[in-house]
C-alpha atoms as a PDB file:
ATOM      1  CA  MET A   1     112.187 124.079 117.958  1.00  0.00           C
ATOM      2  CA  GLU A   2     114.615 122.163 115.746  1.00  0.00           C
ATOM      3  CA  ARG A   3     114.279 122.258 112.018  1.00  0.00           C
ATOM      4  CA  PRO A   4     112.481 119.225 110.192  1.00  0.00           C
ATOM      5  CA  LYS A   5     114.604 117.024 108.702  1.00  0.00           C
ATOM      6  CA  LYS A   6     114.499 116.753 105.009  1.00  0.00           C
ATOM      7  CA  LEU A   7     113.976 113.432 103.536  1.00  0.00           C
ATOM      8  CA  PRO A   8     111.756 111.499 101.212  1.00  0.00           C
ATOM      9  CA  HIS A   9     109.345 108.926 102.068  1.00  0.00           C
ATOM     10  CA  GLY A  10     110.586 105.544 102.852  1.00  0.00           C
ATOM     11  CA  PRO A  11     108.667 102.289 102.384  1.00  0.00           C
ATOM     12  CA  LEU A  12     107.917 101.297 106.065  1.00  0.00           C
ATOM     13  CA  MET A  13     104.769 102.533 107.852  1.00  0.00           C
ATOM     14  CA  ILE A  14     105.251 102.027 111.768  1.00  0.00           C
ATOM     15  CA  ASP A  15     103.440 102.810 114.742  1.00  0.00           C
ATOM     16  CA  ILE A  16     104.181 103.916 118.290  1.00  0.00           C
ATOM     17  CA  ALA A  17     103.211 102.629 121.738  1.00  0.00           C
ATOM     18  CA  GLY A  18     101.277 105.707 123.471  1.00  0.00           C
ATOM     19  CA  LEU A  19      99.870 109.154 123.639  1.00  0.00           C
ATOM     20  CA  GLU A  20     102.866 110.750 123.310  1.00  0.00           C
ATOM     21  CA  LEU A  21     106.271 110.002 121.268  1.00  0.00           C
ATOM     22  CA  SER A  22     109.173 108.649 123.044  1.00  0.00           C
ATOM     23  CA  ASP A  23     112.756 109.334 122.136  1.00  0.00           C
ATOM     24  CA  LEU A  24     112.755 106.017 120.341  1.00  0.00           C
ATOM     25  CA  ASP A  25     109.763 106.912 118.223  1.00  0.00           C
ATOM     26  CA  ARG A  26     111.330 110.131 117.229  1.00  0.00           C
ATOM     27  CA  GLN A  27     114.707 108.245 116.396  1.00  0.00           C
ATOM     28  CA  ARG A  28     112.766 105.907 114.387  1.00  0.00           C
ATOM     29  CA  LEU A  29     110.413 108.357 112.633  1.00  0.00           C
ATOM     30  CA  ILE A  30     113.244 110.113 111.165  1.00  0.00           C
ATOM     31  CA  HIS A  31     114.960 107.128 109.881  1.00  0.00           C
ATOM     32  CA  PRO A  32     114.988 106.921 106.008  1.00  0.00           C
ATOM     33  CA  ARG A  33     113.402 103.914 105.727  1.00  0.00           C
ATOM     34  CA  VAL A  34     110.295 105.116 107.320  1.00  0.00           C
ATOM     35  CA  GLY A  35     107.803 106.919 105.425  1.00  0.00           C
ATOM     36  CA  GLY A  36     104.481 106.882 107.350  1.00  0.00           C
ATOM     37  CA  LEU A  37     102.873 106.417 110.925  1.00  0.00           C
ATOM     38  CA  ILE A  38      99.770 104.364 111.905  1.00  0.00           C
ATOM     39  CA  LEU A  39      97.849 104.975 114.936  1.00  0.00           C
ATOM     40  CA  PHE A  40      95.850 102.660 116.917  1.00  0.00           C
ATOM     41  CA  ALA A  41      93.069 103.256 119.788  1.00  0.00           C
ATOM     42  CA  ARG A  42      95.800 103.335 122.171  1.00  0.00           C
ATOM     43  CA  ASN A  43      97.287 106.618 120.816  1.00  0.00           C
ATOM     44  CA  TYR A  44      94.076 108.558 121.315  1.00  0.00           C
ATOM     45  CA  GLN A  45      92.460 110.184 124.472  1.00  0.00           C
ATOM     46  CA  SER A  46      90.730 113.210 122.989  1.00  0.00           C
ATOM     47  CA  PRO A  47      90.857 115.391 119.884  1.00  0.00           C
ATOM     48  CA  GLU A  48      93.018 117.734 121.593  1.00  0.00           C
ATOM     49  CA  GLN A  49      95.527 115.257 122.531  1.00  0.00           C
ATOM     50  CA  LEU A  50      95.391 113.821 118.875  1.00  0.00           C
ATOM     51  CA  THR A  51      96.224 117.216 117.193  1.00  0.00           C
ATOM     52  CA  ARG A  52      99.132 117.841 119.602  1.00  0.00           C
ATOM     53  CA  LEU A  53     100.555 114.601 118.567  1.00  0.00           C
ATOM     54  CA  THR A  54      99.864 114.732 114.853  1.00  0.00           C
ATOM     55  CA  GLY A  55     101.448 118.062 114.859  1.00  0.00           C
ATOM     56  CA  GLU A  56     104.699 116.897 116.514  1.00  0.00           C
ATOM     57  CA  ILE A  57     104.916 114.027 114.168  1.00  0.00           C
ATOM     58  CA  HIS A  58     104.265 116.298 111.110  1.00  0.00           C
ATOM     59  CA  ALA A  59     107.042 118.516 112.305  1.00  0.00           C
ATOM     60  CA  LEU A  60     109.654 115.845 112.600  1.00  0.00           C
ATOM     61  CA  ARG A  61     110.689 116.040 109.103  1.00  0.00           C
ATOM     62  CA  THR A  62     109.779 117.664 105.604  1.00  0.00           C
ATOM     63  CA  PRO A  63     107.742 116.510 103.678  1.00  0.00           C
ATOM     64  CA  PRO A  64     105.547 115.549 106.474  1.00  0.00           C
ATOM     65  CA  LEU A  65     104.833 111.854 107.340  1.00  0.00           C
ATOM     66  CA  PRO A  66     101.413 110.714 105.996  1.00  0.00           C
ATOM     67  CA  ILE A  67      99.582 109.685 109.291  1.00  0.00           C
ATOM     68  CA  ALA A  68      97.156 106.860 108.804  1.00  0.00           C
ATOM     69  CA  ILE A  69      94.395 105.306 110.842  1.00  0.00           C
ATOM     70  CA  ASP A  70      91.895 102.384 110.771  1.00  0.00           C
ATOM     71  CA  HIS A  71      88.558 104.496 110.997  1.00  0.00           C
ATOM     72  CA  GLU A  72      85.866 102.775 108.722  1.00  0.00           C
ATOM     73  CA  GLY A  73      82.897 103.030 111.157  1.00  0.00           C
ATOM     74  CA  GLY A  74      80.976 100.430 112.931  1.00  0.00           C
ATOM     75  CA  ARG A  75      83.385  98.257 114.976  1.00  0.00           C
ATOM     76  CA  VAL A  76      86.490  99.522 113.243  1.00  0.00           C
ATOM     77  CA  GLN A  77      86.726 103.037 114.584  1.00  0.00           C
ATOM     78  CA  ARG A  78      89.892 103.903 116.390  1.00  0.00           C
ATOM     79  CA  CYS A  79      88.707 107.407 117.745  1.00  0.00           C
ATOM     80  CA  ARG A  80      85.448 107.328 119.599  1.00  0.00           C
ATOM     81  CA  GLU A  81      85.243 110.033 122.544  1.00  0.00           C
ATOM     82  CA  GLY A  82      84.818 113.574 120.626  1.00  0.00           C
ATOM     83  CA  PHE A  83      84.308 111.875 117.473  1.00  0.00           C
ATOM     84  CA  THR A  84      81.214 111.055 115.792  1.00  0.00           C
ATOM     85  CA  ARG A  85      80.238 107.486 116.128  1.00  0.00           C
ATOM     86  CA  LEU A  86      79.940 106.162 112.605  1.00  0.00           C
ATOM     87  CA  PRO A  87      77.705 103.271 111.433  1.00  0.00           C
ATOM     88  CA  PRO A  88      79.028 100.003 109.875  1.00  0.00           C
ATOM     89  CA  MET A  89      79.023 100.176 106.269  1.00  0.00           C
ATOM     90  CA  ARG A  90      76.392  97.662 105.839  1.00  0.00           C
ATOM     91  CA  ARG A  91      73.830 100.066 107.224  1.00  0.00           C
ATOM     92  CA  LEU A  92      74.276 101.941 104.062  1.00  0.00           C
ATOM     93  CA  GLY A  93      73.718  98.782 102.244  1.00  0.00           C
ATOM     94  CA  GLU A  94      70.427  98.272 103.987  1.00  0.00           C
ATOM     95  CA  LEU A  95      69.412 101.737 103.206  1.00  0.00           C
ATOM     96  CA  TRP A  96      70.034 101.004  99.727  1.00  0.00           C
ATOM     97  CA  GLU A  97      67.639  98.314  99.434  1.00  0.00           C
ATOM     98  CA  HIS A  98      64.692 101.015 100.418  1.00  0.00           C
ATOM     99  CA  SER A  99      65.892 104.320  98.655  1.00  0.00           C
ATOM    100  CA  PRO A 100      69.271 104.241  96.632  1.00  0.00           C
ATOM    101  CA  PRO A 101      69.373 108.055  96.638  1.00  0.00           C
ATOM    102  CA  GLU A 102      69.243 108.234 100.285  1.00  0.00           C
ATOM    103  CA  ALA A 103      71.836 105.652 100.484  1.00  0.00           C
ATOM    104  CA  LEU A 104      74.308 107.566  98.179  1.00  0.00           C
ATOM    105  CA  LYS A 105      73.640 110.709 100.124  1.00  0.00           C
ATOM    106  CA  ALA A 106      74.137 109.299 103.164  1.00  0.00           C
ATOM    107  CA  ALA A 107      77.339 107.734 102.275  1.00  0.00           C
ATOM    108  CA  HIS A 108      78.637 110.918 100.810  1.00  0.00           C
ATOM    109  CA  ASP A 109      77.726 112.916 104.199  1.00  0.00           C
ATOM    110  CA  ILE A 110      79.477 110.094 106.215  1.00  0.00           C
ATOM    111  CA  GLY A 111      82.494 110.006 104.173  1.00  0.00           C
ATOM    112  CA  TYR A 112      82.755 113.843 104.699  1.00  0.00           C
ATOM    113  CA  VAL A 113      82.169 113.492 108.407  1.00  0.00           C
ATOM    114  CA  LEU A 114      84.733 110.547 108.604  1.00  0.00           C
ATOM    115  CA  ALA A 115      87.323 112.417 106.699  1.00  0.00           C
ATOM    116  CA  ALA A 116      86.775 116.167 108.159  1.00  0.00           C
ATOM    117  CA  GLU A 117      86.862 115.100 111.847  1.00  0.00           C
ATOM    118  CA  LEU A 118      90.272 113.197 111.191  1.00  0.00           C
ATOM    119  CA  ARG A 119      91.669 115.881 109.208  1.00  0.00           C
ATOM    120  CA  GLN A 120      90.814 118.558 111.792  1.00  0.00           C
ATOM    121  CA  CYS A 121      93.006 116.329 114.304  1.00  0.00           C
ATOM    122  CA  GLY A 122      95.908 116.413 111.739  1.00  0.00           C
ATOM    123  CA  VAL A 123      95.293 112.731 110.533  1.00  0.00           C
ATOM    124  CA  ASP A 124      95.976 112.521 106.766  1.00  0.00           C
ATOM    125  CA  LEU A 125      94.468 109.068 105.745  1.00  0.00           C
ATOM    126  CA  SER A 126      91.887 106.457 106.830  1.00  0.00           C
ATOM    127  CA  PHE A 127      92.288 102.835 105.411  1.00  0.00           C
ATOM    128  CA  THR A 128      88.742 102.962 103.991  1.00  0.00           C
ATOM    129  CA  PRO A 129      86.710 102.204 102.468  1.00  0.00           C
ATOM    130  CA  VAL A 130      86.290  98.344 102.512  1.00  0.00           C
ATOM    131  CA  LEU A 131      85.328  97.173  99.019  1.00  0.00           C
ATOM    132  CA  ASP A 132      85.023  93.524  99.924  1.00  0.00           C
ATOM    133  CA  LEU A 133      81.605  91.721  99.110  1.00  0.00           C
ATOM    134  CA  ASP A 134      79.452  90.383 101.636  1.00  0.00           C
ATOM    135  CA  TRP A 135      79.045  86.746 100.852  1.00  0.00           C
ATOM    136  CA  GLY A 136      77.897  85.950 104.336  1.00  0.00           C
ATOM    137  CA  ARG A 137      80.926  83.942 104.880  1.00  0.00           C
ATOM    138  CA  SER A 138      83.868  86.060 106.541  1.00  0.00           C
ATOM    139  CA  GLY A 139      83.149  87.024 110.343  1.00  0.00           C
ATOM    140  CA  VAL A 140      86.014  89.345 110.227  1.00  0.00           C
ATOM    141  CA  ILE A 141      84.539  91.314 107.454  1.00  0.00           C
ATOM    142  CA  GLY A 142      80.912  90.970 108.189  1.00  0.00           C
ATOM    143  CA  ASN A 143      79.012  94.218 108.576  1.00  0.00           C
ATOM    144  CA  ARG A 144      82.259  96.197 107.570  1.00  0.00           C
ATOM    145  CA  ALA A 145      81.218  95.284 103.784  1.00  0.00           C
ATOM    146  CA  PHE A 146      78.596  97.793 102.035  1.00  0.00           C
ATOM    147  CA  HIS A 147      76.630  94.869 100.329  1.00  0.00           C
ATOM    148  CA  SER A 148      76.751  91.531  98.270  1.00  0.00           C
ATOM    149  CA  ASP A 149      76.394  93.042  94.960  1.00  0.00           C
ATOM    150  CA  PRO A 150      79.449  94.716  93.299  1.00  0.00           C
ATOM    151  CA  GLU A 151      77.224  97.383  91.548  1.00  0.00           C
ATOM    152  CA  VAL A 152      75.834  98.322  94.909  1.00  0.00           C
ATOM    153  CA  VAL A 153      79.317  98.218  96.656  1.00  0.00           C
ATOM    154  CA  SER A 154      80.718 100.488  93.777  1.00  0.00           C
ATOM    155  CA  GLN A 155      77.926 103.199  93.994  1.00  0.00           C
ATOM    156  CA  LEU A 156      77.978 103.134  97.864  1.00  0.00           C
ATOM    157  CA  ALA A 157      81.721 103.125  98.141  1.00  0.00           C
ATOM    158  CA  GLY A 158      82.008 106.039  95.322  1.00  0.00           C
ATOM    159  CA  ALA A 159      79.647 108.290  97.143  1.00  0.00           C
ATOM    160  CA  LEU A 160      81.653 107.793 100.311  1.00  0.00           C
ATOM    161  CA  ILE A 161      84.863 108.498  98.318  1.00  0.00           C
ATOM    162  CA  ASP A 162      83.449 111.631  97.266  1.00  0.00           C
ATOM    163  CA  GLY A 163      82.671 112.732 100.732  1.00  0.00           C
ATOM    164  CA  LEU A 164      86.260 111.794 101.894  1.00  0.00           C
ATOM    165  CA  ARG A 165      87.792 113.978  99.264  1.00  0.00           C
ATOM    166  CA  ARG A 166      85.538 116.960  99.691  1.00  0.00           C
ATOM    167  CA  ALA A 167      87.207 116.954 103.137  1.00  0.00           C
ATOM    168  CA  GLY A 168      90.531 116.683 101.366  1.00  0.00           C
ATOM    169  CA  MET A 169      91.271 113.006 102.070  1.00  0.00           C
ATOM    170  CA  VAL A 170      92.456 110.044  99.638  1.00  0.00           C
ATOM    171  CA  ALA A 171      90.751 106.792  99.422  1.00  0.00           C
ATOM    172  CA  CYS A 172      92.163 103.289 100.181  1.00  0.00           C
ATOM    173  CA  GLY A 173      90.322 100.459  99.081  1.00  0.00           C
ATOM    174  CA  LYS A 174      90.752  97.140 100.679  1.00  0.00           C
ATOM    175  CA  HIS A 175      91.308  93.954 100.590  1.00  0.00           C
ATOM    176  CA  PHE A 176      92.167  93.365  97.223  1.00  0.00           C
ATOM    177  CA  PRO A 177      91.372  91.329  95.408  1.00  0.00           C
ATOM    178  CA  GLY A 178      88.355  90.367  98.097  1.00  0.00           C
ATOM    179  CA  HIS A 179      88.265  89.229 101.399  1.00  0.00           C
ATOM    180  CA  GLY A 180      84.539  88.410 101.432  1.00  0.00           C
ATOM    181  CA  TRP A 181      84.684  84.800 100.786  1.00  0.00           C
ATOM    182  CA  ALA A 182      87.655  83.482 102.891  1.00  0.00           C
ATOM    183  CA  GLU A 183      86.217  82.394 106.081  1.00  0.00           C
ATOM    184  CA  ALA A 184      89.481  82.569 108.301  1.00  0.00           C
ATOM    185  CA  ASP A 185      90.608  85.757 109.810  1.00  0.00           C
ATOM    186  CA  SER A 186      94.204  86.645 108.341  1.00  0.00           C
ATOM    187  CA  HIS A 187      95.012  88.232 111.918  1.00  0.00           C
ATOM    188  CA  VAL A 188      95.490  85.034 113.331  1.00  0.00           C
ATOM    189  CA  ALA A 189      95.424  82.396 110.449  1.00  0.00           C
ATOM    190  CA  ILE A 190      96.437  82.302 106.862  1.00  0.00           C
ATOM    191  CA  PRO A 191      93.123  82.109 104.732  1.00  0.00           C
ATOM    192  CA  VAL A 192      92.851  80.368 101.579  1.00  0.00           C
ATOM    193  CA  ASP A 193      90.407  81.287  98.695  1.00  0.00           C
ATOM    194  CA  GLU A 194      90.413  78.481  96.160  1.00  0.00           C
ATOM    195  CA  ARG A 195      87.920  80.009  93.654  1.00  0.00           C
ATOM    196  CA  ARG A 196      89.363  80.585  90.037  1.00  0.00           C
ATOM    197  CA  LEU A 197      90.069  84.087  88.528  1.00  0.00           C
ATOM    198  CA  VAL A 198      86.646  84.124  86.744  1.00  0.00           C
ATOM    199  CA  GLU A 199      84.773  83.612  90.023  1.00  0.00           C
ATOM    200  CA  LEU A 200      86.771  86.331  91.561  1.00  0.00           C
ATOM    201  CA  ALA A 201      85.365  88.639  89.064  1.00  0.00           C
ATOM    202  CA  PRO A 202      82.627  90.291  91.245  1.00  0.00           C
ATOM    203  CA  ASP A 203      85.224  90.864  93.939  1.00  0.00           C
ATOM    204  CA  ILE A 204      87.241  92.808  91.776  1.00  0.00           C
ATOM    205  CA  GLU A 205      84.703  94.939  89.911  1.00  0.00           C
ATOM    206  CA  PRO A 206      84.988  97.768  92.469  1.00  0.00           C
ATOM    207  CA  TYR A 207      88.583  98.086  91.723  1.00  0.00           C
ATOM    208  CA  ARG A 208      87.821  98.296  88.024  1.00  0.00           C
ATOM    209  CA  ARG A 209      85.260 101.123  88.658  1.00  0.00           C
ATOM    210  CA  LEU A 210      86.582 103.265  91.263  1.00  0.00           C
ATOM    211  CA  LYS A 211      89.364 105.878  91.073  1.00  0.00           C
ATOM    212  CA  LEU A 212      91.257 105.015  94.291  1.00  0.00           C
ATOM    213  CA  ASP A 213      94.595 106.598  95.454  1.00  0.00           C
ATOM    214  CA  ALA A 214      95.839 103.512  97.490  1.00  0.00           C
ATOM    215  CA  VAL A 215      94.796  99.937  97.571  1.00  0.00           C
ATOM    216  CA  MET A 216      95.515  97.340 100.376  1.00  0.00           C
ATOM    217  CA  PRO A 217      95.868  93.649  99.168  1.00  0.00           C
ATOM    218  CA  ALA A 218      94.513  90.838 101.550  1.00  0.00           C
ATOM    219  CA  HIS A 219      96.748  88.595 103.281  1.00  0.00           C
ATOM    220  CA  ILE A 220      94.929  85.455 101.525  1.00  0.00           C
ATOM    221  CA  ILE A 221      96.335  83.006  99.181  1.00  0.00           C
ATOM    222  CA  TYR A 222      94.318  82.526  96.056  1.00  0.00           C
ATOM    223  CA  SER A 223      95.396  78.902  95.503  1.00  0.00           C
ATOM    224  CA  LYS A 224      93.947  78.397  92.117  1.00  0.00           C
ATOM    225  CA  ILE A 225      95.972  81.399  90.752  1.00  0.00           C
ATOM    226  CA  ASP A 226      99.264  81.809  92.853  1.00  0.00           C
ATOM    227  CA  ASP A 227     100.858  80.247  95.929  1.00  0.00           C
ATOM    228  CA  LYS A 228     101.590  83.621  97.736  1.00  0.00           C
ATOM    229  CA  SER A 229      99.106  85.515  99.436  1.00  0.00           C
ATOM    230  CA  ALA A 230      98.099  88.961  97.373  1.00  0.00           C
ATOM    231  CA  GLY A 231     100.248  91.179  99.312  1.00  0.00           C
ATOM    232  CA  PHE A 232     103.375  89.017  98.464  1.00  0.00           C
ATOM    233  CA  SER A 233     102.261  88.312  94.936  1.00  0.00           C
ATOM    234  CA  LYS A 234     103.975  89.789  92.035  1.00  0.00           C
ATOM    235  CA  TYR A 235     100.856  88.375  89.852  1.00  0.00           C
ATOM    236  CA  TRP A 236      98.060  90.365  92.170  1.00  0.00           C
ATOM    237  CA  ASN A 237     100.601  93.551  92.106  1.00  0.00           C
ATOM    238  CA  ASP A 238     100.940  93.229  88.382  1.00  0.00           C
ATOM    239  CA  TYR A 239      97.393  92.601  88.058  1.00  0.00           C
ATOM    240  CA  LEU A 240      96.572  96.126  89.894  1.00  0.00           C
ATOM    241  CA  ARG A 241      99.385  97.938  87.670  1.00  0.00           C
ATOM    242  CA  LYS A 242      98.719  96.388  84.279  1.00  0.00           C
ATOM    243  CA  LYS A 243      95.092  95.126  84.033  1.00  0.00           C
ATOM    244  CA  LEU A 244      93.517  97.603  86.328  1.00  0.00           C
ATOM    245  CA  LYS A 245      95.868 100.497  85.414  1.00  0.00           C
ATOM    246  CA  PHE A 246      96.282 101.459  88.926  1.00  0.00           C
ATOM    247  CA  ASP A 247      99.025 104.205  89.685  1.00  0.00           C
ATOM    248  CA  GLY A 248      98.372 105.101  93.603  1.00  0.00           C
ATOM    249  CA  VAL A 249     100.083 103.270  96.324  1.00  0.00           C
ATOM    250  CA  ILE A 250     100.037  99.866  97.306  1.00  0.00           C
ATOM    251  CA  PHE A 251     100.073  99.040 100.825  1.00  0.00           C
ATOM    252  CA  SER A 252     100.969  95.757 102.421  1.00  0.00           C
ATOM    253  CA  ASP A 253      98.628  94.541 105.071  1.00  0.00           C
ATOM    254  CA  ASP A 254     100.367  94.580 108.396  1.00  0.00           C
ATOM    255  CA  LEU A 255     103.519  92.292 108.225  1.00  0.00           C
ATOM    256  CA  SER A 256     103.250  91.318 111.911  1.00  0.00           C
ATOM    257  CA  MET A 257      99.869  89.591 111.072  1.00  0.00           C
ATOM    258  CA  GLU A 258      99.568  85.858 111.208  1.00  0.00           C
ATOM    259  CA  GLY A 259      98.359  85.815 107.457  1.00  0.00           C
ATOM    260  CA  ALA A 260     101.794  87.407 106.906  1.00  0.00           C
ATOM    261  CA  SER A 261     103.799  84.552 108.219  1.00  0.00           C
ATOM    262  CA  VAL A 262     103.821  82.386 104.940  1.00  0.00           C
ATOM    263  CA  ALA A 263     106.507  84.575 103.860  1.00  0.00           C
ATOM    264  CA  GLY A 264     109.095  84.162 106.737  1.00  0.00           C
ATOM    265  CA  ASP A 265     110.579  86.283 109.498  1.00  0.00           C
ATOM    266  CA  ARG A 266     109.777  90.246 109.676  1.00  0.00           C
ATOM    267  CA  VAL A 267     112.830  91.040 107.397  1.00  0.00           C
ATOM    268  CA  ASP A 268     111.782  88.182 104.780  1.00  0.00           C
ATOM    269  CA  ARG A 269     108.349  89.480 104.970  1.00  0.00           C
ATOM    270  CA  ALA A 270     109.387  93.265 104.115  1.00  0.00           C
ATOM    271  CA  GLN A 271     111.362  92.009 101.361  1.00  0.00           C
ATOM    272  CA  ALA A 272     108.858  89.978  99.948  1.00  0.00           C
ATOM    273  CA  ALA A 273     106.222  92.478  99.657  1.00  0.00           C
ATOM    274  CA  TRP A 274     108.587  95.006  98.368  1.00  0.00           C
ATOM    275  CA  SER A 275     109.802  92.544  95.745  1.00  0.00           C
ATOM    276  CA  ALA A 276     106.100  91.694  94.817  1.00  0.00           C
ATOM    277  CA  GLY A 277     105.531  95.476  94.435  1.00  0.00           C
ATOM    278  CA  CYS A 278     104.047  97.043  97.283  1.00  0.00           C
ATOM    279  CA  ASP A 279     104.963 100.704  97.943  1.00  0.00           C
ATOM    280  CA  MET A 280     104.450 101.024 101.680  1.00  0.00           C
ATOM    281  CA  LEU A 281     105.079  98.225 104.263  1.00  0.00           C
ATOM    282  CA  LEU A 282     102.769  98.201 107.379  1.00  0.00           C
ATOM    283  CA  MET A 283     104.631  97.072 110.465  1.00  0.00           C
ATOM    284  CA  CYS A 284     102.659  97.266 113.779  1.00  0.00           C
ATOM    285  CA  ASN A 285     102.101  96.041 117.453  1.00  0.00           C
ATOM    286  CA  SER A 286     105.656  94.703 117.247  1.00  0.00           C
ATOM    287  CA  PRO A 287     108.376  97.336 118.369  1.00  0.00           C
ATOM    288  CA  GLU A 288     110.987  94.558 118.515  1.00  0.00           C
ATOM    289  CA  ALA A 289     110.470  93.831 114.763  1.00  0.00           C
ATOM    290  CA  VAL A 290     110.538  97.293 113.760  1.00  0.00           C
ATOM    291  CA  GLY A 291     113.767  97.548 115.071  1.00  0.00           C
ATOM    292  CA  GLU A 292     114.945  94.303 113.631  1.00  0.00           C
ATOM    293  CA  VAL A 293     113.657  95.590 109.884  1.00  0.00           C
ATOM    294  CA  LEU A 294     115.201  98.988 110.322  1.00  0.00           C
ATOM    295  CA  GLU A 295     118.458  97.379 111.274  1.00  0.00           C
ATOM    296  CA  ARG A 296     118.650  94.573 108.950  1.00  0.00           C
ATOM    297  CA  TRP A 297     116.488  95.525 105.915  1.00  0.00           C
ATOM    298  CA  GLN A 298     118.406  97.805 103.136  1.00  0.00           C
ATOM    299  CA  PRO A 299     116.541  97.986  99.983  1.00  0.00           C
ATOM    300  CA  ASP A 300     117.341 100.387  97.346  1.00  0.00           C
ATOM    301  CA  PHE A 301     115.520 103.853  97.459  1.00  0.00           C
ATOM    302  CA  ASP A 302     112.699 103.978  94.797  1.00  0.00           C
ATOM    303  CA  PRO A 303     111.864 107.563  94.098  1.00  0.00           C
ATOM    304  CA  VAL A 304     108.743 106.518  92.003  1.00  0.00           C
ATOM    305  CA  ARG A 305     107.489 104.535  95.046  1.00  0.00           C
ATOM    306  CA  SER A 306     108.261 107.508  97.269  1.00  0.00           C
ATOM    307  CA  ALA A 307     106.499 109.828  95.160  1.00  0.00           C
ATOM    308  CA  ARG A 308     103.328 107.814  95.138  1.00  0.00           C
ATOM    309  CA  ILE A 309     103.449 107.918  99.022  1.00  0.00           C
ATOM    310  CA  ALA A 310     103.952 111.812  99.060  1.00  0.00           C
ATOM    311  CA  ARG A 311     100.724 111.996  97.219  1.00  0.00           C
ATOM    312  CA  LEU A 312      98.787 110.607 100.309  1.00  0.00           C
ATOM    313  CA  LEU A 313      99.185 113.855 102.140  1.00  0.00           C
ATOM    314  CA  PRO A 314      96.188 116.344 101.906  1.00  0.00           C
ATOM    315  CA  THR A 315      96.844 119.203  99.754  1.00  0.00           C
ATOM    316  CA  VAL A 316      93.983 121.495 100.741  1.00  0.00           C
ATOM    317  CA  ALA A 317      93.326 123.162 104.250  1.00  0.00           C
ATOM    318  CA  ARG A 318      91.910 121.550 107.059  1.00  0.00           C
ATOM    319  CA  PRO A 319      87.894 121.842 107.050  1.00  0.00           C
ATOM    320  CA  VAL A 320      86.359 123.808 109.472  1.00  0.00           C
ATOM    321  CA  LEU A 321      82.948 121.974 110.830  1.00  0.00           C
ATOM    322  CA  GLN A 322      81.238 124.747 112.588  1.00  0.00           C
ATOM    323  CA  ASP A 323      78.088 125.597 111.120  1.00  0.00           C
ATOM    324  CA  ASP A 324      79.049 123.170 107.997  1.00  0.00           C
ATOM    325  CA  PRO A 325      75.655 121.803 106.668  1.00  0.00           C
ATOM    326  CA  LYS A 326      77.496 119.098 105.109  1.00  0.00           C
ATOM    327  CA  TYR A 327      78.921 118.114 108.379  1.00  0.00           C
ATOM    328  CA  ARG A 328      75.624 118.412 110.124  1.00  0.00           C
ATOM    329  CA  ALA A 329      73.897 116.354 107.791  1.00  0.00           C
ATOM    330  CA  GLY A 330      76.696 113.346 108.138  1.00  0.00           C
ATOM    331  CA  VAL A 331      76.305 113.655 111.857  1.00  0.00           C
ATOM    332  CA  LYS A 332      72.486 113.455 111.914  1.00  0.00           C
ATOM    333  CA  VAL A 333      72.466 110.340 109.278  1.00  0.00           C
ATOM    334  CA  SER A 334      75.088 108.733 111.267  1.00  0.00           C
ATOM    335  CA  ALA A 335      72.999 108.608 114.369  1.00  0.00           C
ATOM    336  CA  VAL A 336      69.879 107.459 112.399  1.00  0.00           C
ATOM    337  CA  LEU A 337      71.431 104.514 110.933  1.00  0.00           C
ATOM    338  CA  LEU A 338      72.855 103.305 114.256  1.00  0.00           C
ATOM    339  CA  GLY A 339      69.160 103.491 115.413  1.00  0.00           C
END
């Protein structure tokens, strides 16, 4: 087996097409401007297959590439067969209405199951929790949100984060400063939120309260504040760094989404997000765009941003789930909340 290539983490997080690595995948994953990989449902067949895939990816270079996935629960859960089916986070908010202590314990245990099962298969990071408030307006957020009250969201998300960390996984809050008000879906449109900063205060509150390792901004234009969507906005990235004293990784949301088209072509989008202060840029579901960006985009290496990305990697051993009472409790409460 070839010795892993020694490379610091670059700023691009890319994807792959299938269940195994192709030669092109391997070539791209050792490119110096690549710093991570995101998986989708098309990359998952079984826990055994996923473990083989992540093992090969981690062996390509040192330090290893962080492997991420969208695995929140509910309708956003990429790995299903062989994994515990997790409830949408709204179920925890509904449980809170009857018993806050039960809801907090359930959130912690579900966070542990979420992270432990992924880590057992070699996945390092899930883009969770969703911190958007449930304003009853956004179909794309909907029951992905814990609750409409920022205090409840903060407490439930905090308990879930504690569960993630117990299993050795970091937490990524999204979609900053809040996706719950805008009605359009940024996957296919360019949403605009016309509220003033004072009106956004409840949406921002969970980011003030929680200790997060990473944040993903929304592909939303907050037109009373800036004419650029949050991921391309120096205002919002500075707000995170200076106002909220956040020193974790700022991800761009997927630069292939329609909500990112305001910044131009794929290279323009990468440069816009990088210049605004994002540390890691997601480029998904567009192999041609990845090739174009790797060829044409040549930012200066930033050791500070690279070091932030390195902190996404787990620092503890993978959990052993057999006979783990916390794991069994999380599996049980997930089934109960799903009814």
